[in-house]
Amino acid sequence: MALTNFGFIVTGDNFTQEQGTQKFRMKVVGVKHPEQGIEVAKKMVAEGIQLIELCGGFSPVWAGKIIEAINYSVPVGVVAYGPESIDKMYELFAV
């Protein structure tokens, strides 16, 4: 089976963007808080998303909660940043 439905959840602000072609669809959903990612992921799975990627704003803890909430039904990946990015990431996500 080929990947035809991809989902990406990003922390920042609430929004939904969908685009693609006849053969590939991508849905990006923005959330203000990581816990909102649980319901977004459940909805994505129900809509037929085959793979979910989480932005680096999600911690491994939240990734695990999302994976459990969707009952391991699709692969979930997390964008990761190396140690050289820690200070700049802190500046972006500090409240």
PDB file of N, CA and C in Angstrom:
ATOM      1  N   MET A   1       0.839  -1.178   0.000  1.00  0.00           N
ATOM      2  CA  MET A   1       0.000   0.000   0.000  1.00  0.00           C
ATOM      3  C   MET A   1       0.887   1.246   0.000  1.00  0.00           C
ATOM      4  N   ALA A   2       0.609   2.158  -0.882  1.00  0.00           N
ATOM      5  CA  ALA A   2       1.386   3.388  -0.972  1.00  0.00           C
ATOM      6  C   ALA A   2       0.845   4.435  -0.006  1.00  0.00           C
ATOM      7  N   LEU A   3       1.716   5.312   0.437  1.00  0.00           N
ATOM      8  CA  LEU A   3       1.303   6.422   1.295  1.00  0.00           C
ATOM      9  C   LEU A   3       0.587   7.457   0.430  1.00  0.00           C
ATOM     10  N   THR A   4      -0.682   7.694   0.740  1.00  0.00           N
ATOM     11  CA  THR A   4      -1.468   8.674  -0.015  1.00  0.00           C
ATOM     12  C   THR A   4      -2.101   9.739   0.882  1.00  0.00           C
ATOM     13  N   ASN A   5      -2.097   9.517   2.201  1.00  0.00           N
ATOM     14  CA  ASN A   5      -2.706  10.456   3.145  1.00  0.00           C
ATOM     15  C   ASN A   5      -1.764  10.682   4.327  1.00  0.00           C
ATOM     16  N   PHE A   6      -1.187  11.872   4.394  1.00  0.00           N
ATOM     17  CA  PHE A   6      -0.176  12.206   5.386  1.00  0.00           C
ATOM     18  C   PHE A   6      -0.695  13.320   6.278  1.00  0.00           C
ATOM     19  N   GLY A   7      -0.459  13.222   7.584  1.00  0.00           N
ATOM     20  CA  GLY A   7      -0.875  14.260   8.519  1.00  0.00           C
ATOM     21  C   GLY A   7       0.296  14.818   9.297  1.00  0.00           C
ATOM     22  N   PHE A   8       0.250  16.107   9.538  1.00  0.00           N
ATOM     23  CA  PHE A   8       1.285  16.779  10.324  1.00  0.00           C
ATOM     24  C   PHE A   8       0.592  17.658  11.355  1.00  0.00           C
ATOM     25  N   ILE A   9       1.000  17.540  12.612  1.00  0.00           N
ATOM     26  CA  ILE A   9       0.432  18.355  13.679  1.00  0.00           C
ATOM     27  C   ILE A   9       1.550  19.245  14.225  1.00  0.00           C
ATOM     28  N   VAL A  10       1.278  20.534  14.247  1.00  0.00           N
ATOM     29  CA  VAL A  10       2.283  21.514  14.660  1.00  0.00           C
ATOM     30  C   VAL A  10       1.746  22.347  15.822  1.00  0.00           C
ATOM     31  N   THR A  11       2.620  22.679  16.773  1.00  0.00           N
ATOM     32  CA  THR A  11       2.208  23.574  17.851  1.00  0.00           C
ATOM     33  C   THR A  11       2.482  25.006  17.423  1.00  0.00           C
ATOM     34  N   GLY A  12       1.594  25.893  17.799  1.00  0.00           N
ATOM     35  CA  GLY A  12       1.742  27.304  17.459  1.00  0.00           C
ATOM     36  C   GLY A  12       0.422  28.023  17.603  1.00  0.00           C
ATOM     37  N   ASP A  13      -0.434  27.864  16.612  1.00  0.00           N
ATOM     38  CA  ASP A  13      -1.755  28.471  16.629  1.00  0.00           C
ATOM     39  C   ASP A  13      -2.733  27.499  15.994  1.00  0.00           C
ATOM     40  N   ASN A  14      -4.002  27.683  16.262  1.00  0.00           N
ATOM     41  CA  ASN A  14      -5.019  26.791  15.707  1.00  0.00           C
ATOM     42  C   ASN A  14      -5.260  27.102  14.233  1.00  0.00           C
ATOM     43  N   PHE A  15      -5.111  26.112  13.371  1.00  0.00           N
ATOM     44  CA  PHE A  15      -5.434  26.251  11.960  1.00  0.00           C
ATOM     45  C   PHE A  15      -5.494  24.871  11.328  1.00  0.00           C
ATOM     46  N   THR A  16      -6.082  24.790  10.160  1.00  0.00           N
ATOM     47  CA  THR A  16      -6.084  23.560   9.371  1.00  0.00           C
ATOM     48  C   THR A  16      -5.793  23.923   7.927  1.00  0.00           C
ATOM     49  N   GLN A  17      -4.891  23.190   7.313  1.00  0.00           N
ATOM     50  CA  GLN A  17      -4.537  23.402   5.913  1.00  0.00           C
ATOM     51  C   GLN A  17      -4.476  22.045   5.240  1.00  0.00           C
ATOM     52  N   GLU A  18      -5.135  21.916   4.110  1.00  0.00           N
ATOM     53  CA  GLU A  18      -5.082  20.675   3.341  1.00  0.00           C
ATOM     54  C   GLU A  18      -4.695  21.004   1.912  1.00  0.00           C
ATOM     55  N   GLN A  19      -3.864  20.151   1.348  1.00  0.00           N
ATOM     56  CA  GLN A  19      -3.509  20.293  -0.053  1.00  0.00           C
ATOM     57  C   GLN A  19      -2.984  18.962  -0.570  1.00  0.00           C
ATOM     58  N   GLY A  20      -2.821  18.882  -1.850  1.00  0.00           N
ATOM     59  CA  GLY A  20      -2.299  17.648  -2.426  1.00  0.00           C
ATOM     60  C   GLY A  20      -2.646  17.531  -3.890  1.00  0.00           C
ATOM     61  N   THR A  21      -2.538  16.310  -4.358  1.00  0.00           N
ATOM     62  CA  THR A  21      -2.822  15.984  -5.745  1.00  0.00           C
ATOM     63  C   THR A  21      -3.850  14.863  -5.756  1.00  0.00           C
ATOM     64  N   GLN A  22      -4.137  14.347  -6.922  1.00  0.00           N
ATOM     65  CA  GLN A  22      -5.057  13.209  -7.006  1.00  0.00           C
ATOM     66  C   GLN A  22      -4.483  11.967  -6.333  1.00  0.00           C
ATOM     67  N   LYS A  23      -3.152  11.905  -6.211  1.00  0.00           N
ATOM     68  CA  LYS A  23      -2.507  10.711  -5.664  1.00  0.00           C
ATOM     69  C   LYS A  23      -1.971  10.877  -4.240  1.00  0.00           C
ATOM     70  N   PHE A  24      -1.907  12.115  -3.751  1.00  0.00           N
ATOM     71  CA  PHE A  24      -1.323  12.338  -2.425  1.00  0.00           C
ATOM     72  C   PHE A  24      -1.992  13.536  -1.765  1.00  0.00           C
ATOM     73  N   ARG A  25      -2.408  13.345  -0.512  1.00  0.00           N
ATOM     74  CA  ARG A  25      -3.061  14.407   0.251  1.00  0.00           C
ATOM     75  C   ARG A  25      -2.278  14.632   1.540  1.00  0.00           C
ATOM     76  N   MET A  26      -2.116  15.909   1.895  1.00  0.00           N
ATOM     77  CA  MET A  26      -1.442  16.268   3.139  1.00  0.00           C
ATOM     78  C   MET A  26      -2.352  17.195   3.933  1.00  0.00           C
ATOM     79  N   LYS A  27      -2.514  16.880   5.204  1.00  0.00           N
ATOM     80  CA  LYS A  27      -3.304  17.721   6.100  1.00  0.00           C
ATOM     81  C   LYS A  27      -2.394  18.189   7.223  1.00  0.00           C
ATOM     82  N   VAL A  28      -2.346  19.502   7.423  1.00  0.00           N
ATOM     83  CA  VAL A  28      -1.556  20.093   8.502  1.00  0.00           C
ATOM     84  C   VAL A  28      -2.526  20.770   9.454  1.00  0.00           C
ATOM     85  N   VAL A  29      -2.392  20.439  10.730  1.00  0.00           N
ATOM     86  CA  VAL A  29      -3.264  21.035  11.742  1.00  0.00           C
ATOM     87  C   VAL A  29      -2.388  21.670  12.811  1.00  0.00           C
ATOM     88  N   GLY A  30      -2.674  22.931  13.105  1.00  0.00           N
ATOM     89  CA  GLY A  30      -1.980  23.636  14.165  1.00  0.00           C
ATOM     90  C   GLY A  30      -2.788  23.615  15.448  1.00  0.00           C
ATOM     91  N   VAL A  31      -2.092  23.454  16.559  1.00  0.00           N
ATOM     92  CA  VAL A  31      -2.725  23.463  17.882  1.00  0.00           C
ATOM     93  C   VAL A  31      -1.939  24.409  18.789  1.00  0.00           C
ATOM     94  N   LYS A  32      -2.631  25.007  19.741  1.00  0.00           N
ATOM     95  CA  LYS A  32      -1.945  25.903  20.681  1.00  0.00           C
ATOM     96  C   LYS A  32      -1.247  25.133  21.793  1.00  0.00           C
ATOM     97  N   HIS A  33      -1.787  23.964  22.144  1.00  0.00           N
ATOM     98  CA  HIS A  33      -1.247  23.182  23.257  1.00  0.00           C
ATOM     99  C   HIS A  33      -1.101  21.721  22.837  1.00  0.00           C
ATOM    100  N   PRO A  34      -0.019  21.063  23.220  1.00  0.00           N
ATOM    101  CA  PRO A  34       0.207  19.676  22.815  1.00  0.00           C
ATOM    102  C   PRO A  34      -0.946  18.728  23.129  1.00  0.00           C
ATOM    103  N   GLU A  35      -1.645  18.947  24.249  1.00  0.00           N
ATOM    104  CA  GLU A  35      -2.735  18.032  24.594  1.00  0.00           C
ATOM    105  C   GLU A  35      -3.847  18.041  23.537  1.00  0.00           C
ATOM    106  N   GLN A  36      -3.965  19.130  22.780  1.00  0.00           N
ATOM    107  CA  GLN A  36      -4.955  19.188  21.702  1.00  0.00           C
ATOM    108  C   GLN A  36      -4.607  18.213  20.579  1.00  0.00           C
ATOM    109  N   GLY A  37      -3.366  17.827  20.513  1.00  0.00           N
ATOM    110  CA  GLY A  37      -2.927  16.900  19.479  1.00  0.00           C
ATOM    111  C   GLY A  37      -3.596  15.537  19.575  1.00  0.00           C
ATOM    112  N   ILE A  38      -4.043  15.170  20.758  1.00  0.00           N
ATOM    113  CA  ILE A  38      -4.700  13.868  20.934  1.00  0.00           C
ATOM    114  C   ILE A  38      -5.973  13.798  20.101  1.00  0.00           C
ATOM    115  N   GLU A  39      -6.847  14.775  20.253  1.00  0.00           N
ATOM    116  CA  GLU A  39      -8.102  14.758  19.494  1.00  0.00           C
ATOM    117  C   GLU A  39      -7.859  14.946  18.001  1.00  0.00           C
ATOM    118  N   VAL A  40      -6.882  15.773  17.654  1.00  0.00           N
ATOM    119  CA  VAL A  40      -6.555  15.980  16.237  1.00  0.00           C
ATOM    120  C   VAL A  40      -6.091  14.665  15.620  1.00  0.00           C
ATOM    121  N   ALA A  41      -5.222  13.947  16.312  1.00  0.00           N
ATOM    122  CA  ALA A  41      -4.724  12.674  15.791  1.00  0.00           C
ATOM    123  C   ALA A  41      -5.854  11.659  15.636  1.00  0.00           C
ATOM    124  N   LYS A  42      -6.751  11.594  16.614  1.00  0.00           N
ATOM    125  CA  LYS A  42      -7.893  10.676  16.506  1.00  0.00           C
ATOM    126  C   LYS A  42      -8.733  11.001  15.274  1.00  0.00           C
ATOM    127  N   LYS A  43      -8.972  12.281  15.056  1.00  0.00           N
ATOM    128  CA  LYS A  43      -9.765  12.707  13.894  1.00  0.00           C
ATOM    129  C   LYS A  43      -9.034  12.357  12.597  1.00  0.00           C
ATOM    130  N   MET A  44      -7.719  12.579  12.569  1.00  0.00           N
ATOM    131  CA  MET A  44      -6.937  12.259  11.369  1.00  0.00           C
ATOM    132  C   MET A  44      -7.056  10.774  11.029  1.00  0.00           C
ATOM    133  N   VAL A  45      -6.916   9.932  12.028  1.00  0.00           N
ATOM    134  CA  VAL A  45      -7.026   8.487  11.799  1.00  0.00           C
ATOM    135  C   VAL A  45      -8.410   8.142  11.258  1.00  0.00           C
ATOM    136  N   ALA A  46      -9.441   8.732  11.844  1.00  0.00           N
ATOM    137  CA  ALA A  46     -10.813   8.474  11.383  1.00  0.00           C
ATOM    138  C   ALA A  46     -11.015   8.931   9.938  1.00  0.00           C
ATOM    139  N   GLU A  47     -10.263   9.943   9.516  1.00  0.00           N
ATOM    140  CA  GLU A  47     -10.359  10.467   8.148  1.00  0.00           C
ATOM    141  C   GLU A  47      -9.505   9.689   7.153  1.00  0.00           C
ATOM    142  N   GLY A  48      -8.755   8.706   7.624  1.00  0.00           N
ATOM    143  CA  GLY A  48      -7.950   7.897   6.719  1.00  0.00           C
ATOM    144  C   GLY A  48      -6.492   8.296   6.589  1.00  0.00           C
ATOM    145  N   ILE A  49      -6.016   9.194   7.464  1.00  0.00           N
ATOM    146  CA  ILE A  49      -4.589   9.535   7.453  1.00  0.00           C
ATOM    147  C   ILE A  49      -3.805   8.268   7.786  1.00  0.00           C
ATOM    148  N   GLN A  50      -2.756   8.002   7.015  1.00  0.00           N
ATOM    149  CA  GLN A  50      -1.983   6.771   7.170  1.00  0.00           C
ATOM    150  C   GLN A  50      -0.730   6.928   8.023  1.00  0.00           C
ATOM    151  N   LEU A  51      -0.248   8.158   8.170  1.00  0.00           N
ATOM    152  CA  LEU A  51       0.983   8.421   8.904  1.00  0.00           C
ATOM    153  C   LEU A  51       0.873   9.817   9.485  1.00  0.00           C
ATOM    154  N   ILE A  52       1.261   9.974  10.749  1.00  0.00           N
ATOM    155  CA  ILE A  52       1.209  11.272  11.409  1.00  0.00           C
ATOM    156  C   ILE A  52       2.607  11.655  11.852  1.00  0.00           C
ATOM    157  N   GLU A  53       2.966  12.891  11.562  1.00  0.00           N
ATOM    158  CA  GLU A  53       4.231  13.456  12.017  1.00  0.00           C
ATOM    159  C   GLU A  53       3.901  14.584  12.988  1.00  0.00           C
ATOM    160  N   LEU A  54       4.631  14.650  14.097  1.00  0.00           N
ATOM    161  CA  LEU A  54       4.457  15.705  15.089  1.00  0.00           C
ATOM    162  C   LEU A  54       5.642  16.655  15.021  1.00  0.00           C
ATOM    163  N   CYS A  55       5.390  17.953  15.161  1.00  0.00           N
ATOM    164  CA  CYS A  55       6.489  18.916  15.134  1.00  0.00           C
ATOM    165  C   CYS A  55       7.355  18.759  16.378  1.00  0.00           C
ATOM    166  N   GLY A  56       8.500  19.396  16.362  1.00  0.00           N
ATOM    167  CA  GLY A  56       9.434  19.314  17.476  1.00  0.00           C
ATOM    168  C   GLY A  56       8.921  19.924  18.765  1.00  0.00           C
ATOM    169  N   GLY A  57       7.807  20.666  18.707  1.00  0.00           N
ATOM    170  CA  GLY A  57       7.218  21.231  19.910  1.00  0.00           C
ATOM    171  C   GLY A  57       6.540  20.199  20.798  1.00  0.00           C
ATOM    172  N   PHE A  58       6.345  18.993  20.267  1.00  0.00           N
ATOM    173  CA  PHE A  58       5.782  17.901  21.061  1.00  0.00           C
ATOM    174  C   PHE A  58       6.924  17.156  21.733  1.00  0.00           C
ATOM    175  N   SER A  59       6.789  16.913  23.001  1.00  0.00           N
ATOM    176  CA  SER A  59       7.808  16.138  23.712  1.00  0.00           C
ATOM    177  C   SER A  59       7.557  14.654  23.473  1.00  0.00           C
ATOM    178  N   PRO A  60       8.539  13.810  23.781  1.00  0.00           N
ATOM    179  CA  PRO A  60       8.312  12.371  23.685  1.00  0.00           C
ATOM    180  C   PRO A  60       7.126  11.907  24.542  1.00  0.00           C
ATOM    181  N   VAL A  61       6.887  12.591  25.652  1.00  0.00           N
ATOM    182  CA  VAL A  61       5.754  12.224  26.510  1.00  0.00           C
ATOM    183  C   VAL A  61       4.444  12.405  25.750  1.00  0.00           C
ATOM    184  N   TRP A  62       4.280  13.567  25.097  1.00  0.00           N
ATOM    185  CA  TRP A  62       3.045  13.820  24.349  1.00  0.00           C
ATOM    186  C   TRP A  62       2.943  12.908  23.141  1.00  0.00           C
ATOM    187  N   ALA A  63       4.055  12.609  22.509  1.00  0.00           N
ATOM    188  CA  ALA A  63       4.021  11.668  21.383  1.00  0.00           C
ATOM    189  C   ALA A  63       3.500  10.319  21.857  1.00  0.00           C
ATOM    190  N   GLY A  64       3.978   9.857  22.998  1.00  0.00           N
ATOM    191  CA  GLY A  64       3.503   8.588  23.544  1.00  0.00           C
ATOM    192  C   GLY A  64       2.022   8.608  23.862  1.00  0.00           C
ATOM    193  N   LYS A  65       1.552   9.706  24.426  1.00  0.00           N
ATOM    194  CA  LYS A  65       0.126   9.824  24.735  1.00  0.00           C
ATOM    195  C   LYS A  65      -0.720   9.783  23.463  1.00  0.00           C
ATOM    196  N   ILE A  66      -0.235  10.434  22.419  1.00  0.00           N
ATOM    197  CA  ILE A  66      -0.967  10.435  21.143  1.00  0.00           C
ATOM    198  C   ILE A  66      -0.972   9.039  20.536  1.00  0.00           C
ATOM    199  N   ILE A  67       0.160   8.375  20.542  1.00  0.00           N
ATOM    200  CA  ILE A  67       0.245   7.009  20.013  1.00  0.00           C
ATOM    201  C   ILE A  67      -0.725   6.087  20.747  1.00  0.00           C
ATOM    202  N   GLU A  68      -0.760   6.175  22.055  1.00  0.00           N
ATOM    203  CA  GLU A  68      -1.689   5.352  22.840  1.00  0.00           C
ATOM    204  C   GLU A  68      -3.141   5.720  22.548  1.00  0.00           C
ATOM    205  N   ALA A  69      -3.411   7.028  22.406  1.00  0.00           N
ATOM    206  CA  ALA A  69      -4.789   7.482  22.176  1.00  0.00           C
ATOM    207  C   ALA A  69      -5.355   6.979  20.845  1.00  0.00           C
ATOM    208  N   ILE A  70      -4.475   6.805  19.856  1.00  0.00           N
ATOM    209  CA  ILE A  70      -4.944   6.283  18.566  1.00  0.00           C
ATOM    210  C   ILE A  70      -4.752   4.771  18.485  1.00  0.00           C
ATOM    211  N   ASN A  71      -4.420   4.162  19.614  1.00  0.00           N
ATOM    212  CA  ASN A  71      -4.282   2.715  19.721  1.00  0.00           C
ATOM    213  C   ASN A  71      -3.285   2.136  18.707  1.00  0.00           C
ATOM    214  N   TYR A  72      -2.186   2.854  18.488  1.00  0.00           N
ATOM    215  CA  TYR A  72      -1.104   2.383  17.628  1.00  0.00           C
ATOM    216  C   TYR A  72      -1.574   2.102  16.193  1.00  0.00           C
ATOM    217  N   SER A  73      -2.658   2.748  15.763  1.00  0.00           N
ATOM    218  CA  SER A  73      -3.277   2.409  14.479  1.00  0.00           C
ATOM    219  C   SER A  73      -2.495   2.880  13.263  1.00  0.00           C
ATOM    220  N   VAL A  74      -1.709   3.954  13.396  1.00  0.00           N
ATOM    221  CA  VAL A  74      -0.852   4.410  12.293  1.00  0.00           C
ATOM    222  C   VAL A  74       0.498   4.805  12.877  1.00  0.00           C
ATOM    223  N   PRO A  75       1.552   4.802  12.058  1.00  0.00           N
ATOM    224  CA  PRO A  75       2.847   5.255  12.561  1.00  0.00           C
ATOM    225  C   PRO A  75       2.795   6.735  12.940  1.00  0.00           C
ATOM    226  N   VAL A  76       3.477   7.076  14.038  1.00  0.00           N
ATOM    227  CA  VAL A  76       3.583   8.460  14.484  1.00  0.00           C
ATOM    228  C   VAL A  76       5.057   8.766  14.675  1.00  0.00           C
ATOM    229  N   GLY A  77       5.521   9.805  13.995  1.00  0.00           N
ATOM    230  CA  GLY A  77       6.911  10.235  14.116  1.00  0.00           C
ATOM    231  C   GLY A  77       6.978  11.607  14.749  1.00  0.00           C
ATOM    232  N   VAL A  78       8.152  11.947  15.256  1.00  0.00           N
ATOM    233  CA  VAL A  78       8.351  13.253  15.881  1.00  0.00           C
ATOM    234  C   VAL A  78       9.594  13.893  15.280  1.00  0.00           C
ATOM    235  N   VAL A  79       9.455  15.140  14.858  1.00  0.00           N
ATOM    236  CA  VAL A  79      10.610  15.889  14.375  1.00  0.00           C
ATOM    237  C   VAL A  79      11.534  16.119  15.562  1.00  0.00           C
ATOM    238  N   ALA A  80      12.813  15.899  15.367  1.00  0.00           N
ATOM    239  CA  ALA A  80      13.774  16.059  16.459  1.00  0.00           C
ATOM    240  C   ALA A  80      14.845  17.075  16.068  1.00  0.00           C
ATOM    241  N   TYR A  81      15.362  17.745  17.065  1.00  0.00           N
ATOM    242  CA  TYR A  81      16.410  18.738  16.865  1.00  0.00           C
ATOM    243  C   TYR A  81      17.625  18.338  17.673  1.00  0.00           C
ATOM    244  N   GLY A  82      18.790  18.583  17.137  1.00  0.00           N
ATOM    245  CA  GLY A  82      20.028  18.250  17.825  1.00  0.00           C
ATOM    246  C   GLY A  82      20.367  19.259  18.909  1.00  0.00           C
ATOM    247  N   PRO A  83      21.381  18.933  19.706  1.00  0.00           N
ATOM    248  CA  PRO A  83      21.760  19.800  20.824  1.00  0.00           C
ATOM    249  C   PRO A  83      22.159  21.209  20.392  1.00  0.00           C
ATOM    250  N   GLU A  84      22.606  21.352  19.167  1.00  0.00           N
ATOM    251  CA  GLU A  84      23.004  22.679  18.686  1.00  0.00           C
ATOM    252  C   GLU A  84      21.809  23.620  18.527  1.00  0.00           C
ATOM    253  N   SER A  85      20.598  23.065  18.550  1.00  0.00           N
ATOM    254  CA  SER A  85      19.382  23.867  18.363  1.00  0.00           C
ATOM    255  C   SER A  85      18.653  24.186  19.664  1.00  0.00           C
ATOM    256  N   ILE A  86      19.109  23.665  20.781  1.00  0.00           N
ATOM    257  CA  ILE A  86      18.388  23.791  22.053  1.00  0.00           C
ATOM    258  C   ILE A  86      18.109  25.255  22.419  1.00  0.00           C
ATOM    259  N   ASP A  87      19.129  26.100  22.384  1.00  0.00           N
ATOM    260  CA  ASP A  87      18.937  27.498  22.796  1.00  0.00           C
ATOM    261  C   ASP A  87      17.952  28.219  21.874  1.00  0.00           C
ATOM    262  N   LYS A  88      18.072  28.006  20.593  1.00  0.00           N
ATOM    263  CA  LYS A  88      17.167  28.670  19.646  1.00  0.00           C
ATOM    264  C   LYS A  88      15.739  28.135  19.786  1.00  0.00           C
ATOM    265  N   MET A  89      15.592  26.854  20.047  1.00  0.00           N
ATOM    266  CA  MET A  89      14.257  26.292  20.262  1.00  0.00           C
ATOM    267  C   MET A  89      13.643  26.866  21.536  1.00  0.00           C
ATOM    268  N   TYR A  90      14.436  27.019  22.558  1.00  0.00           N
ATOM    269  CA  TYR A  90      13.937  27.591  23.808  1.00  0.00           C
ATOM    270  C   TYR A  90      13.400  29.003  23.564  1.00  0.00           C
ATOM    271  N   GLU A  91      14.150  29.790  22.795  1.00  0.00           N
ATOM    272  CA  GLU A  91      13.716  31.154  22.481  1.00  0.00           C
ATOM    273  C   GLU A  91      12.372  31.153  21.745  1.00  0.00           C
ATOM    274  N   LEU A  92      12.172  30.195  20.879  1.00  0.00           N
ATOM    275  CA  LEU A  92      10.927  30.133  20.108  1.00  0.00           C
ATOM    276  C   LEU A  92       9.735  29.705  20.947  1.00  0.00           C
ATOM    277  N   PHE A  93       9.949  28.796  21.887  1.00  0.00           N
ATOM    278  CA  PHE A  93       8.835  28.214  22.626  1.00  0.00           C
ATOM    279  C   PHE A  93       8.692  28.716  24.059  1.00  0.00           C
ATOM    280  N   ALA A  94       9.609  29.574  24.527  1.00  0.00           N
ATOM    281  CA  ALA A  94       9.489  30.114  25.886  1.00  0.00           C
ATOM    282  C   ALA A  94       8.266  31.017  25.942  1.00  0.00           C
ATOM    283  N   VAL A  95       7.542  30.890  27.012  1.00  0.00           N
ATOM    284  CA  VAL A  95       6.321  31.700  27.161  1.00  0.00           C
ATOM    285  C   VAL A  95       6.619  32.991  27.872  1.00  0.00           C
TER     286      VAL A  95
END
